[in-house]
């Protein structure tokens, strides 16, 4: 039981930490959804479609973890048993199998948005200027179409900061938004209550946004998308004059092309597994190298930012000490003359 508890703790900490790393750092964090969560959901969906069943995991924590691959990734479909779903696997079944790690990752992204809020709130209470605003200004000061949109969005947020209530924060957190750090800074600057900010961010990022992203990945990796395209094409051709006569043959060809595509995907997966570990090892080595380079870059950015902040404080302290010494030395001759 202790070993099982440790596995669950490791599973939860891993995905929460990945979420924190994704959102912390004023936009300079790691894109862990693209690196870990998105590929994990895509691999599970393709494996479930290939095997015709969703009970692939040996436990809820049977996912991508640190120095551990999921057990279902290397298994053949025959090891799980005969297919349960002969045609399309229900979307809700796949979502139920991957939603736990997705929600944990979303909780981590919500936690990663707290440092700008706390720094801004502390600066507001002490009457100091928030340096993160200047950092965001520098990051969106470049020329370009996207930078122009970001500047307009920033001006809108600054001019409507008095409307930063629960629904507004929830809306900003529910969509991919590069300026949410600015919203967190403004919430801290204008003393928005912590629980109002955090609950809106948590619901938006850990529930609404995560389920939107998970739904997109599952849909793209499932044959439901091909069926949707097929239905739309059939509807368009059936309402086009002069095409109804050739519609049956066209539908037959379309279904044949879809079956060939699905069979090719399964054959490719099987052949890749049968080739051995050489290609997997080389690809894993390249992938891990890229990820570790990004992690090192992220750590270097944090250390550099901390060192710059410390150097700035030291310089301000030296300047204040020199100015006070100059004022005291200038006041001494004046006192002698008066005497």
Protein backbone atom coordinates (compact mmCIF):
# COMPACT_ATOMS: atom_id res chain seq x y z
CA UNK A 1 0.00 0.00 0.00
CA UNK A 2 2.87 2.41 0.70
CA UNK A 3 4.39 1.62 -2.70
CA UNK A 4 1.05 2.31 -4.36
CA UNK A 5 0.74 5.58 -2.46
CA UNK A 6 4.24 6.61 -3.54
CA UNK A 7 3.36 5.93 -7.18
CA UNK A 8 0.26 8.11 -6.92
CA UNK A 9 2.28 10.89 -5.23
CA UNK A 10 4.94 10.71 -7.92
CA UNK A 11 2.26 10.76 -10.61
CA UNK A 12 0.53 13.82 -9.13
CA UNK A 13 3.71 15.78 -8.47
CA UNK A 14 5.05 15.07 -11.95
CA UNK A 15 2.06 16.49 -13.82
CA UNK A 16 1.57 19.42 -11.42
CA UNK A 17 5.25 20.39 -11.74
CA UNK A 18 4.99 20.20 -15.53
CA UNK A 19 2.01 22.54 -15.36
CA UNK A 20 3.88 24.99 -13.15
CA UNK A 21 6.86 24.92 -15.51
CA UNK A 22 4.53 25.69 -18.41
CA UNK A 23 3.03 28.90 -17.01
CA UNK A 24 5.69 30.34 -14.71
CA UNK A 25 8.22 32.92 -15.86
CA UNK A 26 6.09 35.61 -17.59
CA UNK A 27 5.75 33.68 -20.84
CA UNK A 28 9.25 32.17 -20.80
CA UNK A 29 8.19 28.84 -19.29
CA UNK A 30 8.51 25.40 -20.87
CA UNK A 31 5.79 24.36 -23.31
CA UNK A 32 5.11 21.14 -21.46
CA UNK A 33 1.74 20.57 -23.12
CA UNK A 34 3.47 20.22 -26.48
CA UNK A 35 6.35 18.24 -24.97
CA UNK A 36 4.52 15.85 -22.65
CA UNK A 37 0.76 16.08 -22.14
CA UNK A 38 -0.25 16.49 -25.78
CA UNK A 39 1.90 13.57 -27.04
CA UNK A 40 0.70 11.41 -24.14
CA UNK A 41 -2.96 12.01 -25.01
CA UNK A 42 -2.25 11.50 -28.72
CA UNK A 43 -0.37 8.22 -28.15
CA UNK A 44 -3.09 6.85 -25.87
CA UNK A 45 -5.83 7.80 -28.34
CA UNK A 46 -4.06 6.17 -31.29
CA UNK A 47 -3.32 3.05 -29.26
CA UNK A 48 -6.94 2.83 -28.13
CA UNK A 49 -8.21 3.24 -31.70
CA UNK A 50 -5.72 0.63 -32.92
CA UNK A 51 -6.67 -1.92 -30.24
CA UNK A 52 -10.39 -1.11 -30.12
CA UNK A 53 -10.48 -0.70 -26.33
CA UNK A 54 -9.58 1.88 -23.68
CA UNK A 55 -8.61 -0.28 -20.69
CA UNK A 56 -4.92 -0.07 -21.60
CA UNK A 57 -3.50 1.35 -18.36
CA UNK A 58 -2.46 -0.96 -15.57
CA UNK A 59 -3.23 1.86 -13.09
CA UNK A 60 -4.25 5.55 -13.29
CA UNK A 61 -0.58 6.53 -12.87
CA UNK A 62 0.49 4.41 -15.86
CA UNK A 63 1.50 7.49 -17.88
CA UNK A 64 4.67 9.22 -19.01
CA UNK A 65 6.69 9.90 -15.86
CA UNK A 66 10.26 10.86 -15.08
CA UNK A 67 12.54 8.05 -16.32
CA UNK A 68 9.51 5.83 -16.95
CA UNK A 69 7.45 5.07 -20.03
CA UNK A 70 3.85 3.82 -19.87
CA UNK A 71 3.56 0.04 -19.94
CA UNK A 72 0.81 0.04 -22.58
CA UNK A 73 3.01 1.79 -25.16
CA UNK A 74 5.18 -1.26 -25.88
CA UNK A 75 2.45 -3.93 -25.67
CA UNK A 76 0.72 -5.57 -28.58
CA UNK A 77 -3.05 -5.28 -28.88
CA UNK A 78 -3.45 -9.05 -28.41
CA UNK A 79 -2.06 -8.70 -24.89
CA UNK A 80 -5.06 -6.56 -23.91
CA UNK A 81 -7.64 -8.95 -25.34
CA UNK A 82 -10.07 -8.78 -28.25
CA UNK A 83 -11.41 -5.37 -29.34
CA UNK A 84 -14.42 -4.15 -27.38
CA UNK A 85 -15.42 -1.40 -29.82
CA UNK A 86 -15.59 -2.60 -33.42
CA UNK A 87 -16.12 0.82 -34.97
CA UNK A 88 -15.64 4.19 -33.29
CA UNK A 89 -14.60 4.37 -29.65
CA UNK A 90 -16.85 6.83 -27.76
CA UNK A 91 -15.13 10.12 -27.10
CA UNK A 92 -16.14 10.08 -23.44
CA UNK A 93 -14.38 6.75 -22.87
CA UNK A 94 -11.01 8.08 -24.07
CA UNK A 95 -11.49 11.34 -22.19
CA UNK A 96 -12.18 9.44 -18.97
CA UNK A 97 -8.84 7.64 -19.26
CA UNK A 98 -6.67 10.75 -19.73
CA UNK A 99 -8.55 13.50 -17.91
CA UNK A 100 -6.84 12.98 -14.52
CA UNK A 101 -3.32 13.83 -15.71
CA UNK A 102 -4.74 16.66 -17.82
CA UNK A 103 -6.50 18.23 -14.83
CA UNK A 104 -3.37 17.87 -12.68
CA UNK A 105 -1.37 19.62 -15.38
CA UNK A 106 -4.00 22.38 -15.46
CA UNK A 107 -3.78 22.80 -11.69
CA UNK A 108 -0.05 23.29 -12.11
CA UNK A 109 -0.58 26.00 -14.73
CA UNK A 110 -2.92 27.80 -12.32
CA UNK A 111 -0.31 27.62 -9.55
CA UNK A 112 2.31 28.98 -11.93
CA UNK A 113 0.27 32.17 -12.38
CA UNK A 114 0.48 33.05 -8.66
CA UNK A 115 4.03 34.56 -8.45
CA UNK A 116 3.22 37.61 -10.65
CA UNK A 117 0.07 38.19 -8.59
CA UNK A 118 1.89 38.02 -5.24
CA UNK A 119 4.83 40.16 -6.43
CA UNK A 120 2.48 42.80 -7.79
CA UNK A 121 0.35 42.80 -4.65
CA UNK A 122 3.41 43.14 -2.40
CA UNK A 123 4.71 46.00 -4.54
CA UNK A 124 1.32 47.70 -4.44
CA UNK A 125 1.12 47.46 -0.65
CA UNK A 126 4.65 48.85 -0.27
CA UNK A 127 4.07 51.62 -2.82
CA UNK A 128 6.80 50.41 -5.20
CA UNK A 129 6.67 50.13 -8.97
CA UNK A 130 6.01 46.69 -10.43
CA UNK A 131 9.07 45.71 -12.48
CA UNK A 132 7.22 42.89 -14.26
CA UNK A 133 5.21 45.47 -16.20
CA UNK A 134 8.43 46.85 -17.68
CA UNK A 135 9.51 43.30 -18.54
CA UNK A 136 6.26 42.66 -20.34
CA UNK A 137 6.62 46.00 -22.15
CA UNK A 138 10.03 44.90 -23.41
CA UNK A 139 8.69 41.53 -24.58
CA UNK A 140 5.93 43.08 -26.72
CA UNK A 141 7.76 46.20 -27.88
CA UNK A 142 9.05 44.56 -31.07
CA UNK A 143 7.59 45.42 -34.42
CA UNK A 144 5.19 43.07 -36.11
CA UNK A 145 1.54 42.18 -36.52
CA UNK A 146 1.41 39.97 -33.40
CA UNK A 147 3.20 42.59 -31.31
CA UNK A 148 0.71 45.21 -32.47
CA UNK A 149 -2.20 43.01 -31.37
CA UNK A 150 -0.53 42.38 -28.00
CA UNK A 151 0.01 46.11 -27.47
CA UNK A 152 -3.65 46.82 -28.21
CA UNK A 153 -4.73 44.03 -25.86
CA UNK A 154 -2.46 45.40 -23.15
CA UNK A 155 -3.91 48.91 -23.54
CA UNK A 156 -7.40 47.44 -23.33
CA UNK A 157 -6.53 45.55 -20.13
CA UNK A 158 -4.95 48.64 -18.59
CA UNK A 159 -7.95 50.82 -19.45
CA UNK A 160 -10.48 48.24 -18.19
CA UNK A 161 -8.58 47.13 -15.10
CA UNK A 162 -11.48 48.24 -12.90
CA UNK A 163 -13.57 45.45 -14.49
CA UNK A 164 -11.24 42.63 -13.38
CA UNK A 165 -13.96 40.65 -11.62
CA UNK A 166 -14.52 36.89 -11.40
CA UNK A 167 -16.13 36.40 -14.86
CA UNK A 168 -13.45 38.49 -16.60
CA UNK A 169 -10.58 36.59 -14.96
CA UNK A 170 -12.35 33.29 -15.74
CA UNK A 171 -12.70 34.27 -19.40
CA UNK A 172 -9.05 35.34 -19.68
CA UNK A 173 -7.88 32.08 -18.06
CA UNK A 174 -10.12 29.85 -20.20
CA UNK A 175 -8.52 30.67 -23.55
CA UNK A 176 -4.89 30.64 -24.76
CA UNK A 177 -3.90 34.12 -23.69
CA UNK A 178 -0.28 35.40 -23.73
CA UNK A 179 -1.29 38.42 -21.65
CA UNK A 180 -2.73 36.54 -18.69
CA UNK A 181 0.46 37.36 -16.77
CA UNK A 182 -0.48 41.01 -17.20
CA UNK A 183 -3.96 40.27 -15.90
CA UNK A 184 -2.44 38.59 -12.84
CA UNK A 185 -0.14 41.59 -12.25
CA UNK A 186 -3.07 44.00 -12.54
CA UNK A 187 -5.15 41.88 -10.16
CA UNK A 188 -2.36 42.10 -7.59
CA UNK A 189 -1.80 45.80 -8.26
CA UNK A 190 -5.48 46.63 -7.67
CA UNK A 191 -5.76 44.29 -4.64
CA UNK A 192 -8.19 41.79 -6.14
CA UNK A 193 -8.87 39.21 -3.38
CA UNK A 194 -6.64 36.16 -3.63
CA UNK A 195 -9.40 33.56 -3.61
CA UNK A 196 -11.35 35.37 -6.32
CA UNK A 197 -8.26 35.46 -8.56
CA UNK A 198 -7.10 31.91 -7.80
CA UNK A 199 -10.51 30.21 -8.10
CA UNK A 200 -11.24 31.92 -11.41
CA UNK A 201 -7.77 30.98 -12.69
CA UNK A 202 -8.11 27.41 -11.42
CA UNK A 203 -11.52 26.84 -13.03
CA UNK A 204 -10.45 28.47 -16.27
CA UNK A 205 -7.11 26.73 -16.68
CA UNK A 206 -7.60 23.37 -14.93
CA UNK A 207 -11.10 22.65 -16.24
CA UNK A 208 -12.26 24.73 -19.20
CA UNK A 209 -8.96 25.26 -21.04
CA UNK A 210 -7.62 21.77 -20.30
CA UNK A 211 -10.75 20.04 -21.54
CA UNK A 212 -10.72 22.18 -24.69
CA UNK A 213 -7.12 21.19 -25.43
CA UNK A 214 -7.73 17.53 -24.58
CA UNK A 215 -10.83 17.43 -26.77
CA UNK A 216 -8.87 18.88 -29.69
CA UNK A 217 -6.05 16.32 -29.38
CA UNK A 218 -8.43 13.36 -29.01
CA UNK A 219 -10.51 14.50 -31.99
CA UNK A 220 -7.48 14.91 -34.25
CA UNK A 221 -6.06 11.51 -33.30
CA UNK A 222 -9.35 9.64 -33.57
CA UNK A 223 -11.13 8.49 -36.73
CA UNK A 224 -14.11 10.59 -35.62
CA UNK A 225 -12.51 13.49 -37.53
CA UNK A 226 -12.43 11.43 -40.72
CA UNK A 227 -16.06 10.47 -40.24
CA UNK A 228 -16.98 14.13 -39.74
CA UNK A 229 -15.24 15.08 -43.00
CA UNK A 230 -17.01 12.22 -44.74
CA UNK A 231 -20.44 13.33 -43.49
CA UNK A 232 -19.80 16.96 -44.50
CA UNK A 233 -18.68 15.95 -48.00
CA UNK A 234 -21.69 13.69 -48.45
CA UNK A 235 -24.00 16.52 -47.36
CA UNK A 236 -22.37 19.02 -49.75
CA UNK A 237 -22.49 16.66 -52.73
CA UNK A 238 -26.06 15.57 -52.01
CA UNK A 239 -27.19 19.19 -52.21
CA UNK A 240 -25.22 19.92 -55.38
CA UNK A 241 -27.17 19.58 -58.66
CA UNK A 242 -25.82 17.01 -61.10
CA UNK A 243 -23.70 15.20 -58.50
CA UNK A 244 -26.37 12.96 -56.97
CA UNK A 245 -25.89 10.40 -59.76
CA UNK A 246 -22.21 9.87 -58.98
CA UNK A 247 -22.60 10.24 -55.20
CA UNK A 248 -22.79 6.47 -54.38
CA UNK A 249 -19.54 5.69 -56.21
CA UNK A 250 -17.88 8.73 -54.65
CA UNK A 251 -18.90 7.64 -51.15
CA UNK A 252 -17.56 4.14 -51.84
CA UNK A 253 -14.20 5.52 -52.96
CA UNK A 254 -14.06 7.80 -49.93
CA UNK A 255 -14.70 4.90 -47.54
CA UNK A 256 -12.06 2.81 -49.32
CA UNK A 257 -9.50 5.62 -48.94
CA UNK A 258 -10.37 5.96 -45.25
CA UNK A 259 -9.99 2.22 -44.64
CA UNK A 260 -6.61 2.22 -46.42
CA UNK A 261 -5.46 5.14 -44.29
CA UNK A 262 -6.48 3.45 -41.05
CA UNK A 263 -4.90 0.15 -42.09
CA UNK A 264 -1.69 1.96 -43.04
CA UNK A 265 -1.58 3.66 -39.65
CA UNK A 266 -1.95 0.33 -37.84
CA UNK A 267 0.64 -1.34 -40.07
CA UNK A 268 3.10 1.48 -39.53
CA UNK A 269 2.71 1.21 -35.76
CA UNK A 270 3.15 -2.56 -35.86
CA UNK A 271 6.20 -2.40 -38.14
CA UNK A 272 7.79 0.25 -35.95
CA UNK A 273 7.34 -1.95 -32.90
CA UNK A 274 8.73 -4.98 -34.76
CA UNK A 275 11.91 -3.26 -35.94
CA UNK A 276 13.43 -3.34 -32.48
CA UNK A 277 14.67 -0.69 -30.08
CA UNK A 278 17.34 0.98 -32.21
CA UNK A 279 15.18 3.71 -33.71
CA UNK A 280 13.26 4.23 -30.46
CA UNK A 281 16.52 4.63 -28.58
CA UNK A 282 17.92 7.19 -31.02
CA UNK A 283 14.69 9.14 -31.14
CA UNK A 284 14.43 9.05 -27.36
CA UNK A 285 17.99 10.30 -27.06
CA UNK A 286 17.34 13.22 -29.40
CA UNK A 287 14.05 14.06 -27.70
CA UNK A 288 15.53 13.97 -24.20
CA UNK A 289 18.45 16.12 -25.34
CA UNK A 290 16.09 18.79 -26.66
CA UNK A 291 13.99 18.71 -23.49
CA UNK A 292 17.03 18.98 -21.22
CA UNK A 293 18.40 21.90 -23.27
CA UNK A 294 15.09 23.69 -22.76
CA UNK A 295 15.18 22.92 -19.04
CA UNK A 296 18.73 24.28 -18.76
CA UNK A 297 17.73 27.40 -20.68
CA UNK A 298 14.76 27.87 -18.35
CA UNK A 299 16.97 27.54 -15.26
CA UNK A 300 19.54 29.95 -16.71
CA UNK A 301 16.79 32.52 -17.33
CA UNK A 302 15.62 32.25 -13.71
CA UNK A 303 19.17 32.60 -12.36
CA UNK A 304 19.91 35.54 -14.67
CA UNK A 305 16.72 37.33 -13.69
CA UNK A 306 17.44 36.79 -9.98
CA UNK A 307 21.03 38.01 -10.35
CA UNK A 308 19.94 41.10 -12.26
CA UNK A 309 17.39 41.95 -9.58
CA UNK A 310 19.98 41.49 -6.82
CA UNK A 311 22.56 43.61 -8.70
CA UNK A 312 20.02 46.36 -9.21
CA UNK A 313 19.23 46.46 -5.49
CA UNK A 314 22.93 46.58 -4.63
CA UNK A 315 23.52 49.43 -7.05
CA UNK A 316 20.57 51.38 -5.67
CA UNK A 317 21.92 50.84 -2.15
CA UNK A 318 25.40 52.07 -3.14
CA UNK A 319 23.95 55.12 -4.86
CA UNK A 320 21.87 55.98 -1.81
CA UNK A 321 24.89 55.56 0.49
CA UNK A 322 27.08 57.76 -1.75
CA UNK A 323 24.41 60.44 -1.97
CA UNK A 324 23.95 60.48 1.81
CA UNK A 325 27.76 60.68 2.31
CA UNK A 326 27.97 63.56 -0.15
CA UNK A 327 25.20 65.43 1.60
CA UNK A 328 26.84 64.95 5.01
CA UNK A 329 30.26 66.10 3.75
CA UNK A 330 28.67 69.16 2.18
CA UNK A 331 26.88 70.04 5.38
CA UNK A 332 30.09 69.98 7.49
CA UNK A 333 31.79 73.10 5.89
CA UNK A 334 28.51 74.95 6.12
CA UNK A 335 28.34 74.18 9.83
CA UNK A 336 31.97 75.43 10.29
CA UNK A 337 31.22 78.70 8.55
CA UNK A 338 28.16 79.29 10.71
CA UNK A 339 30.24 78.66 13.83
